[in-house]
Amino acid sequence: MNEEFLVGIGRHVITKVLIIACMTALFAYLKNQADHWAGLEGGPQMASYPSGFRYFAVFAWLLPAAFAYGVFTSETPISESTRNVIFGVAAVFAVAAAAMTLEAFIVRMRWDDSGIEVRTPWRGYRKVSWGALRRVDYSQTNRWFRIHTADQGTIYLHDFMGGRSELLQEIRTNHEHVLMEIPPVVHEN
């Protein structure tokens, strides 16, 4: 075996080990964050993304990883311009996969008698009292419910989130001051 071949295999193995280690650490952190916000028996109600959406978010990382893997392991010479295009496409998919992963593992909403606690990677943690809610409407384009507040911005409740119908029912039945502008064609379940 020649030395160049062994160096190539070593680089290949090190790259794979580093990718696996980084992804394992990232998903362990995200799982820890998700577990921290898990609903407690008899505690507050909760809305979050279901496991299927989380698995899909993890699966979405395979596409950019496949592009990068193909560039590093290709035995056919790849021109620099082609390599840059492949890395650009991989970067676009990696950014999309990162956003989806953050959304799937970190976004949580819990509510109890005092109000709604919202945690997102985009705005951090917020505690909104029931009295601060003003209006609920629905975006057909983005497929999410928007809960408008007096001073805490807008809370977005996506169609994919489990627990959304319970939260909307809580608002509808116990907080009459909130204007519900949801079209009849939208199913809350």
C-alpha atoms as a PDB file:
ATOM      1  CA  MET A   1       0.000   0.000   0.000  1.00  0.00           C
ATOM      2  CA  ASN A   2       1.281   3.395  -0.852  1.00  0.00           C
ATOM      3  CA  GLU A   3       1.482   6.255   1.626  1.00  0.00           C
ATOM      4  CA  GLU A   4      -0.884   8.543  -0.307  1.00  0.00           C
ATOM      5  CA  PHE A   5      -3.617   5.910  -0.174  1.00  0.00           C
ATOM      6  CA  LEU A   6      -3.252   5.520   3.601  1.00  0.00           C
ATOM      7  CA  VAL A   7      -3.339   9.296   4.127  1.00  0.00           C
ATOM      8  CA  GLY A   8      -6.530   9.481   2.043  1.00  0.00           C
ATOM      9  CA  ILE A   9      -8.195   6.765   4.106  1.00  0.00           C
ATOM     10  CA  GLY A  10      -7.079   8.449   7.333  1.00  0.00           C
ATOM     11  CA  ARG A  11      -8.530  11.798   6.238  1.00  0.00           C
ATOM     12  CA  HIS A  12     -11.741  10.063   5.214  1.00  0.00           C
ATOM     13  CA  VAL A  13     -12.099   8.314   8.602  1.00  0.00           C
ATOM     14  CA  ILE A  14     -11.246  11.447  10.592  1.00  0.00           C
ATOM     15  CA  THR A  15     -13.813  13.476   8.640  1.00  0.00           C
ATOM     16  CA  LYS A  16     -16.530  10.905   9.315  1.00  0.00           C
ATOM     17  CA  VAL A  17     -15.666  10.660  13.009  1.00  0.00           C
ATOM     18  CA  LEU A  18     -15.726  14.463  13.403  1.00  0.00           C
ATOM     19  CA  ILE A  19     -19.080  14.776  11.617  1.00  0.00           C
ATOM     20  CA  ILE A  20     -20.607  12.003  13.721  1.00  0.00           C
ATOM     21  CA  ALA A  21     -19.217  13.460  16.967  1.00  0.00           C
ATOM     22  CA  CYS A  22     -20.486  16.967  16.196  1.00  0.00           C
ATOM     23  CA  MET A  23     -23.931  15.780  15.147  1.00  0.00           C
ATOM     24  CA  THR A  24     -24.203  13.510  18.212  1.00  0.00           C
ATOM     25  CA  ALA A  25     -23.306  16.405  20.529  1.00  0.00           C
ATOM     26  CA  LEU A  26     -25.793  18.719  18.777  1.00  0.00           C
ATOM     27  CA  PHE A  27     -28.675  16.256  18.963  1.00  0.00           C
ATOM     28  CA  ALA A  28     -27.877  15.352  22.586  1.00  0.00           C
ATOM     29  CA  TYR A  29     -28.096  19.046  23.457  1.00  0.00           C
ATOM     30  CA  LEU A  30     -31.361  19.478  21.559  1.00  0.00           C
ATOM     31  CA  LYS A  31     -32.863  16.363  23.164  1.00  0.00           C
ATOM     32  CA  ASN A  32     -31.866  17.692  26.576  1.00  0.00           C
ATOM     33  CA  GLN A  33     -33.626  20.964  25.795  1.00  0.00           C
ATOM     34  CA  ALA A  34     -36.736  19.110  24.622  1.00  0.00           C
ATOM     35  CA  ASP A  35     -36.785  16.920  27.742  1.00  0.00           C
ATOM     36  CA  HIS A  36     -36.463  19.979  29.959  1.00  0.00           C
ATOM     37  CA  TRP A  37     -39.732  21.304  28.564  1.00  0.00           C
ATOM     38  CA  ALA A  38     -41.558  17.981  28.594  1.00  0.00           C
ATOM     39  CA  GLY A  39     -45.027  18.150  30.074  1.00  0.00           C
ATOM     40  CA  LEU A  40     -45.384  17.079  33.679  1.00  0.00           C
ATOM     41  CA  GLU A  41     -48.159  14.793  34.858  1.00  0.00           C
ATOM     42  CA  GLY A  42     -50.931  17.017  36.197  1.00  0.00           C
ATOM     43  CA  GLY A  43     -48.939  20.121  35.308  1.00  0.00           C
ATOM     44  CA  PRO A  44     -49.467  22.721  32.623  1.00  0.00           C
ATOM     45  CA  GLN A  45     -50.716  21.917  29.129  1.00  0.00           C
ATOM     46  CA  MET A  46     -48.120  21.854  26.348  1.00  0.00           C
ATOM     47  CA  ALA A  47     -47.820  22.335  22.589  1.00  0.00           C
ATOM     48  CA  SER A  48     -44.751  21.112  20.704  1.00  0.00           C
ATOM     49  CA  TYR A  49     -43.726  19.383  17.515  1.00  0.00           C
ATOM     50  CA  PRO A  50     -44.351  15.622  17.443  1.00  0.00           C
ATOM     51  CA  SER A  51     -41.597  13.023  17.198  1.00  0.00           C
ATOM     52  CA  GLY A  52     -42.213  12.449  13.482  1.00  0.00           C
ATOM     53  CA  PHE A  53     -41.370  16.063  12.693  1.00  0.00           C
ATOM     54  CA  ARG A  54     -38.244  15.817  14.853  1.00  0.00           C
ATOM     55  CA  TYR A  55     -37.131  12.659  13.042  1.00  0.00           C
ATOM     56  CA  PHE A  56     -37.684  14.400   9.722  1.00  0.00           C
ATOM     57  CA  ALA A  57     -35.559  17.339  10.920  1.00  0.00           C
ATOM     58  CA  VAL A  58     -32.732  14.954  11.790  1.00  0.00           C
ATOM     59  CA  PHE A  59     -33.186  13.144   8.479  1.00  0.00           C
ATOM     60  CA  ALA A  60     -32.937  16.492   6.631  1.00  0.00           C
ATOM     61  CA  TRP A  61     -29.248  16.659   7.574  1.00  0.00           C
ATOM     62  CA  LEU A  62     -28.539  13.669   5.310  1.00  0.00           C
ATOM     63  CA  LEU A  63     -28.849  15.698   2.123  1.00  0.00           C
ATOM     64  CA  PRO A  64     -26.114  18.275   2.845  1.00  0.00           C
ATOM     65  CA  ALA A  65     -24.006  15.519   4.426  1.00  0.00           C
ATOM     66  CA  ALA A  66     -24.370  13.457   1.229  1.00  0.00           C
ATOM     67  CA  PHE A  67     -23.233  16.400  -0.911  1.00  0.00           C
ATOM     68  CA  ALA A  68     -20.188  16.997   1.298  1.00  0.00           C
ATOM     69  CA  TYR A  69     -19.419  13.290   1.477  1.00  0.00           C
ATOM     70  CA  GLY A  70     -19.567  13.042  -2.311  1.00  0.00           C
ATOM     71  CA  VAL A  71     -17.088  15.879  -2.744  1.00  0.00           C
ATOM     72  CA  PHE A  72     -14.614  14.467  -0.245  1.00  0.00           C
ATOM     73  CA  THR A  73     -14.784  10.857  -1.408  1.00  0.00           C
ATOM     74  CA  SER A  74     -15.052  11.283  -5.159  1.00  0.00           C
ATOM     75  CA  GLU A  75     -12.335   9.455  -7.033  1.00  0.00           C
ATOM     76  CA  THR A  76     -13.114  11.501 -10.119  1.00  0.00           C
ATOM     77  CA  PRO A  77     -11.340  14.847 -10.134  1.00  0.00           C
ATOM     78  CA  ILE A  78     -13.757  17.693  -9.455  1.00  0.00           C
ATOM     79  CA  SER A  79     -12.988  21.166 -10.705  1.00  0.00           C
ATOM     80  CA  GLU A  80     -12.861  23.970  -8.173  1.00  0.00           C
ATOM     81  CA  SER A  81     -15.882  25.725  -9.670  1.00  0.00           C
ATOM     82  CA  THR A  82     -17.954  22.523  -9.535  1.00  0.00           C
ATOM     83  CA  ARG A  83     -16.836  21.910  -5.954  1.00  0.00           C
ATOM     84  CA  ASN A  84     -17.884  25.461  -5.010  1.00  0.00           C
ATOM     85  CA  VAL A  85     -21.325  24.925  -6.550  1.00  0.00           C
ATOM     86  CA  ILE A  86     -21.749  21.641  -4.674  1.00  0.00           C
ATOM     87  CA  PHE A  87     -20.688  23.253  -1.396  1.00  0.00           C
ATOM     88  CA  GLY A  88     -23.075  26.155  -2.063  1.00  0.00           C
ATOM     89  CA  VAL A  89     -26.001  23.783  -2.579  1.00  0.00           C
ATOM     90  CA  ALA A  90     -24.965  21.803   0.509  1.00  0.00           C
ATOM     91  CA  ALA A  91     -24.783  25.039   2.522  1.00  0.00           C
ATOM     92  CA  VAL A  92     -28.313  26.045   1.474  1.00  0.00           C
ATOM     93  CA  PHE A  93     -29.673  22.653   2.539  1.00  0.00           C
ATOM     94  CA  ALA A  94     -27.629  22.746   5.757  1.00  0.00           C
ATOM     95  CA  VAL A  95     -29.086  26.142   6.707  1.00  0.00           C
ATOM     96  CA  ALA A  96     -32.607  24.845   6.026  1.00  0.00           C
ATOM     97  CA  ALA A  97     -31.915  21.677   8.021  1.00  0.00           C
ATOM     98  CA  ALA A  98     -30.488  23.747  10.893  1.00  0.00           C
ATOM     99  CA  ALA A  99     -33.559  25.989  11.020  1.00  0.00           C
ATOM    100  CA  MET A 100     -35.874  22.976  10.933  1.00  0.00           C
ATOM    101  CA  THR A 101     -33.894  21.212  13.662  1.00  0.00           C
ATOM    102  CA  LEU A 102     -33.956  24.264  15.929  1.00  0.00           C
ATOM    103  CA  GLU A 103     -37.682  24.690  15.329  1.00  0.00           C
ATOM    104  CA  ALA A 104     -38.445  21.008  15.957  1.00  0.00           C
ATOM    105  CA  PHE A 105     -36.431  20.606  19.153  1.00  0.00           C
ATOM    106  CA  ILE A 106     -36.606  23.995  20.863  1.00  0.00           C
ATOM    107  CA  VAL A 107     -40.035  25.510  20.142  1.00  0.00           C
ATOM    108  CA  ARG A 108     -42.344  24.808  23.093  1.00  0.00           C
ATOM    109  CA  MET A 109     -45.474  26.366  24.507  1.00  0.00           C
ATOM    110  CA  ARG A 110     -46.895  25.651  27.935  1.00  0.00           C
ATOM    111  CA  TRP A 111     -49.931  27.210  29.477  1.00  0.00           C
ATOM    112  CA  ASP A 112     -51.594  27.230  32.851  1.00  0.00           C
ATOM    113  CA  ASP A 113     -53.857  29.548  34.834  1.00  0.00           C
ATOM    114  CA  SER A 114     -51.363  32.431  34.696  1.00  0.00           C
ATOM    115  CA  GLY A 115     -50.696  32.488  30.941  1.00  0.00           C
ATOM    116  CA  ILE A 116     -48.593  31.041  28.140  1.00  0.00           C
ATOM    117  CA  GLU A 117     -44.860  30.324  28.322  1.00  0.00           C
ATOM    118  CA  VAL A 118     -43.228  30.347  24.897  1.00  0.00           C
ATOM    119  CA  ARG A 119     -39.707  29.243  24.079  1.00  0.00           C
ATOM    120  CA  THR A 120     -38.248  29.606  20.578  1.00  0.00           C
ATOM    121  CA  PRO A 121     -34.739  29.812  19.166  1.00  0.00           C
ATOM    122  CA  TRP A 122     -35.779  32.989  17.369  1.00  0.00           C
ATOM    123  CA  ARG A 123     -37.097  35.099  20.289  1.00  0.00           C
ATOM    124  CA  GLY A 124     -36.014  33.160  23.363  1.00  0.00           C
ATOM    125  CA  TYR A 125     -38.261  32.694  26.379  1.00  0.00           C
ATOM    126  CA  ARG A 126     -41.436  34.737  26.906  1.00  0.00           C
ATOM    127  CA  LYS A 127     -44.159  34.556  29.513  1.00  0.00           C
ATOM    128  CA  VAL A 128     -47.411  36.072  28.251  1.00  0.00           C
ATOM    129  CA  SER A 129     -50.352  36.612  30.593  1.00  0.00           C
ATOM    130  CA  TRP A 130     -53.835  35.751  29.365  1.00  0.00           C
ATOM    131  CA  GLY A 131     -54.822  39.408  29.674  1.00  0.00           C
ATOM    132  CA  ALA A 132     -52.140  40.420  27.149  1.00  0.00           C
ATOM    133  CA  LEU A 133     -53.715  38.326  24.351  1.00  0.00           C
ATOM    134  CA  ARG A 134     -55.612  40.409  21.803  1.00  0.00           C
ATOM    135  CA  ARG A 135     -56.434  38.410  18.690  1.00  0.00           C
ATOM    136  CA  VAL A 136     -55.977  34.998  17.060  1.00  0.00           C
ATOM    137  CA  ASP A 137     -55.951  34.587  13.292  1.00  0.00           C
ATOM    138  CA  TYR A 138     -54.693  32.071  10.755  1.00  0.00           C
ATOM    139  CA  SER A 139     -52.224  32.413   7.875  1.00  0.00           C
ATOM    140  CA  GLN A 140     -53.211  30.125   4.989  1.00  0.00           C
ATOM    141  CA  THR A 141     -49.848  30.743   3.298  1.00  0.00           C
ATOM    142  CA  ASN A 142     -47.643  29.798   6.255  1.00  0.00           C
ATOM    143  CA  ARG A 143     -50.157  27.379   7.789  1.00  0.00           C
ATOM    144  CA  TRP A 144     -49.915  28.720  11.311  1.00  0.00           C
ATOM    145  CA  PHE A 145     -52.130  30.347  13.860  1.00  0.00           C
ATOM    146  CA  ARG A 146     -50.967  33.771  15.001  1.00  0.00           C
ATOM    147  CA  ILE A 147     -51.695  34.781  18.574  1.00  0.00           C
ATOM    148  CA  HIS A 148     -51.286  38.555  18.744  1.00  0.00           C
ATOM    149  CA  THR A 149     -50.426  40.099  22.117  1.00  0.00           C
ATOM    150  CA  ALA A 150     -50.470  43.655  23.454  1.00  0.00           C
ATOM    151  CA  ASP A 151     -46.761  43.916  24.224  1.00  0.00           C
ATOM    152  CA  GLN A 152     -45.030  40.565  23.585  1.00  0.00           C
ATOM    153  CA  GLY A 153     -45.238  40.372  19.799  1.00  0.00           C
ATOM    154  CA  THR A 154     -46.914  37.508  17.980  1.00  0.00           C
ATOM    155  CA  ILE A 155     -46.890  33.852  18.989  1.00  0.00           C
ATOM    156  CA  TYR A 156     -46.873  31.455  16.031  1.00  0.00           C
ATOM    157  CA  LEU A 157     -48.573  28.091  16.421  1.00  0.00           C
ATOM    158  CA  HIS A 158     -47.839  25.916  13.377  1.00  0.00           C
ATOM    159  CA  ASP A 159     -50.202  23.297  11.967  1.00  0.00           C
ATOM    160  CA  PHE A 160     -47.597  20.598  12.678  1.00  0.00           C
ATOM    161  CA  MET A 161     -47.567  21.305  16.423  1.00  0.00           C
ATOM    162  CA  GLY A 162     -49.316  18.894  18.703  1.00  0.00           C
ATOM    163  CA  GLY A 163     -51.480  20.482  21.400  1.00  0.00           C
ATOM    164  CA  ARG A 164     -52.523  23.441  19.250  1.00  0.00           C
ATOM    165  CA  SER A 165     -56.231  22.574  19.340  1.00  0.00           C
ATOM    166  CA  GLU A 166     -56.145  22.407  23.164  1.00  0.00           C
ATOM    167  CA  LEU A 167     -54.507  25.843  23.383  1.00  0.00           C
ATOM    168  CA  LEU A 168     -56.989  27.370  20.947  1.00  0.00           C
ATOM    169  CA  GLN A 169     -59.864  25.785  22.878  1.00  0.00           C
ATOM    170  CA  GLU A 170     -58.478  27.222  26.122  1.00  0.00           C
ATOM    171  CA  ILE A 171     -58.379  30.696  24.569  1.00  0.00           C
ATOM    172  CA  ARG A 172     -61.868  30.333  23.074  1.00  0.00           C
ATOM    173  CA  THR A 173     -63.631  29.076  26.192  1.00  0.00           C
ATOM    174  CA  ASN A 174     -61.870  30.852  29.062  1.00  0.00           C
ATOM    175  CA  HIS A 175     -60.663  34.133  27.602  1.00  0.00           C
ATOM    176  CA  GLU A 176     -63.584  35.837  25.876  1.00  0.00           C
ATOM    177  CA  HIS A 177     -61.709  39.137  25.479  1.00  0.00           C
ATOM    178  CA  VAL A 178     -59.557  37.572  22.715  1.00  0.00           C
ATOM    179  CA  LEU A 179     -60.904  38.151  19.212  1.00  0.00           C
ATOM    180  CA  MET A 180     -60.928  34.834  17.289  1.00  0.00           C
ATOM    181  CA  GLU A 181     -60.581  35.523  13.543  1.00  0.00           C
ATOM    182  CA  ILE A 182     -60.195  31.954  12.308  1.00  0.00           C
ATOM    183  CA  PRO A 183     -61.974  31.173   9.006  1.00  0.00           C
ATOM    184  CA  PRO A 184     -64.514  28.331   9.192  1.00  0.00           C
ATOM    185  CA  VAL A 185     -62.558  26.283   6.608  1.00  0.00           C
ATOM    186  CA  VAL A 186     -59.553  25.989   8.947  1.00  0.00           C
ATOM    187  CA  HIS A 187     -59.559  22.838  11.056  1.00  0.00           C
ATOM    188  CA  GLU A 188     -57.995  23.356  14.450  1.00  0.00           C
ATOM    189  CA  ASN A 189     -57.464  19.609  15.062  1.00  0.00           C
END
